[in-house]
Every structure is written in structure tokens, then in C-alpha cells.
C-alpha atoms as a PDB file:
ATOM      1  CA  MET A   1      16.326  14.305 -14.097  1.00  0.00           C
ATOM      2  CA  LYS A   2      17.385  12.878 -17.448  1.00  0.00           C
ATOM      3  CA  ALA A   3      20.953  12.592 -16.201  1.00  0.00           C
ATOM      4  CA  SER A   4      19.963  10.585 -13.122  1.00  0.00           C
ATOM      5  CA  HIS A   5      17.590   8.468 -15.204  1.00  0.00           C
ATOM      6  CA  LEU A   6      20.359   7.552 -17.645  1.00  0.00           C
ATOM      7  CA  TYR A   7      22.758   6.881 -14.800  1.00  0.00           C
ATOM      8  CA  SER A   8      20.396   4.535 -12.973  1.00  0.00           C
ATOM      9  CA  TYR A   9      19.499   2.812 -16.237  1.00  0.00           C
ATOM     10  CA  SER A  10      23.042   2.368 -17.537  1.00  0.00           C
ATOM     11  CA  ALA A  11      24.382   0.290 -14.653  1.00  0.00           C
ATOM     12  CA  PRO A  12      21.356  -2.012 -14.042  1.00  0.00           C
ATOM     13  CA  GLN A  13      21.231  -2.758 -17.765  1.00  0.00           C
ATOM     14  CA  LYS A  14      24.300  -4.979 -17.429  1.00  0.00           C
ATOM     15  CA  VAL A  15      22.839  -6.687 -14.372  1.00  0.00           C
ATOM     16  CA  SER A  16      19.521  -7.461 -16.043  1.00  0.00           C
ATOM     17  CA  GLN A  17      21.305  -8.823 -19.109  1.00  0.00           C
ATOM     18  CA  SER A  18      23.221 -11.374 -17.036  1.00  0.00           C
ATOM     19  CA  VAL A  19      20.427 -12.145 -14.546  1.00  0.00           C
ATOM     20  CA  VAL A  20      17.488 -12.498 -16.939  1.00  0.00           C
ATOM     21  CA  PRO A  21      19.112 -15.165 -19.165  1.00  0.00           C
ATOM     22  CA  LEU A  22      20.145 -17.062 -16.028  1.00  0.00           C
ATOM     23  CA  LEU A  23      16.608 -16.993 -14.679  1.00  0.00           C
ATOM     24  CA  TYR A  24      15.202 -18.119 -18.018  1.00  0.00           C
ATOM     25  CA  SER A  25      17.736 -20.928 -18.389  1.00  0.00           C
ATOM     26  CA  THR A  26      17.015 -22.066 -14.837  1.00  0.00           C
ATOM     27  CA  GLU A  27      13.239 -21.727 -14.657  1.00  0.00           C
ATOM     28  CA  VAL A  28      12.655 -21.928 -18.416  1.00  0.00           C
ATOM     29  CA  GLY A  29      10.864 -18.594 -18.041  1.00  0.00           C
ATOM     30  CA  GLN A  30       7.831 -20.048 -16.253  1.00  0.00           C
ATOM     31  CA  SER A  31       6.711 -16.620 -15.099  1.00  0.00           C
ATOM     32  CA  ASP A  32       8.513 -13.328 -14.586  1.00  0.00           C
ATOM     33  CA  VAL A  33       6.821 -12.247 -11.362  1.00  0.00           C
ATOM     34  CA  PRO A  34       7.906 -15.236  -9.228  1.00  0.00           C
ATOM     35  CA  LEU A  35      11.398 -14.867 -10.679  1.00  0.00           C
ATOM     36  CA  LEU A  36      11.520 -11.249  -9.535  1.00  0.00           C
ATOM     37  CA  HIS A  37      10.541 -12.314  -6.041  1.00  0.00           C
ATOM     38  CA  SER A  38      13.100 -15.114  -6.078  1.00  0.00           C
ATOM     39  CA  THR A  39      15.808 -12.486  -6.472  1.00  0.00           C
ATOM     40  CA  GLU A  40      14.744 -11.128  -3.061  1.00  0.00           C
ATOM     41  CA  ASN A  41      13.248  -8.181  -4.959  1.00  0.00           C
ATOM     42  CA  GLN A  42      16.346  -6.108  -4.302  1.00  0.00           C
ATOM     43  CA  SER A  43      17.906  -5.726  -7.752  1.00  0.00           C
ATOM     44  CA  VAL A  44      15.061  -6.224 -10.218  1.00  0.00           C
ATOM     45  CA  VAL A  45      11.997  -4.869  -8.440  1.00  0.00           C
ATOM     46  CA  PRO A  46      13.615  -1.533  -7.514  1.00  0.00           C
ATOM     47  CA  LEU A  47      14.763  -1.362 -11.134  1.00  0.00           C
ATOM     48  CA  LEU A  48      11.155  -1.485 -12.318  1.00  0.00           C
ATOM     49  CA  HIS A  49      10.286   1.442 -10.056  1.00  0.00           C
ATOM     50  CA  SER A  50      13.344   3.443 -11.110  1.00  0.00           C
ATOM     51  CA  THR A  51      12.267   3.127 -14.746  1.00  0.00           C
ATOM     52  CA  GLU A  52       8.860   4.549 -13.821  1.00  0.00           C
ATOM     53  CA  ARG A  53       7.570   0.975 -14.360  1.00  0.00           C
ATOM     54  CA  GLN A  54       6.584   1.922 -17.890  1.00  0.00           C
ATOM     55  CA  SER A  55       9.268   0.276 -20.015  1.00  0.00           C
ATOM     56  CA  LEU A  56       9.959  -3.003 -18.160  1.00  0.00           C
ATOM     57  CA  VAL A  57       6.491  -3.784 -16.832  1.00  0.00           C
ATOM     58  CA  PRO A  58       4.861  -3.891 -20.302  1.00  0.00           C
ATOM     59  CA  LEU A  59       7.869  -5.910 -21.448  1.00  0.00           C
ATOM     60  CA  LEU A  60       7.172  -8.611 -18.867  1.00  0.00           C
ATOM     61  CA  HIS A  61       3.578  -8.837 -20.059  1.00  0.00           C
ATOM     62  CA  SER A  62       4.619  -9.004 -23.692  1.00  0.00           C
ATOM     63  CA  THR A  63       7.030 -11.860 -22.969  1.00  0.00           C
ATOM     64  CA  GLU A  64       4.217 -13.985 -21.548  1.00  0.00           C
END
């Protein structure tokens, strides 16, 4: 399971790095939840679930 976890985390990492700054520069980081929905919850939302929503979810709350 560790192998699949690393694999699914390695690729999306690049996506989140390029998408998150874009969202913040566009919406000035008003709120993370609406931003996730604005991405048609296809790239970010599934990412949260794949990471067992334990590393990214608390992050969103801490960035408030």
C-alpha cells in the first residue's frame, strides 16, 4: 500500500503546486473549499481522499 500511496502522491504533488498558487493569485485565497469546487472537484477533491484526508484537510484549516 505504501508503494501505491507514494505513486498517487508523487504525481498530484506537481499539479497542486501549480494549481494552488494560481487559485490564490486569482481569488486571493478567499476560501479553500469554494476553490476546490471551482476546479470541478476532479483533481483536488479526489486528491484529498487519496491522501486519507489527513494531511491536506488539516492544512486547509491551518491556512485559514
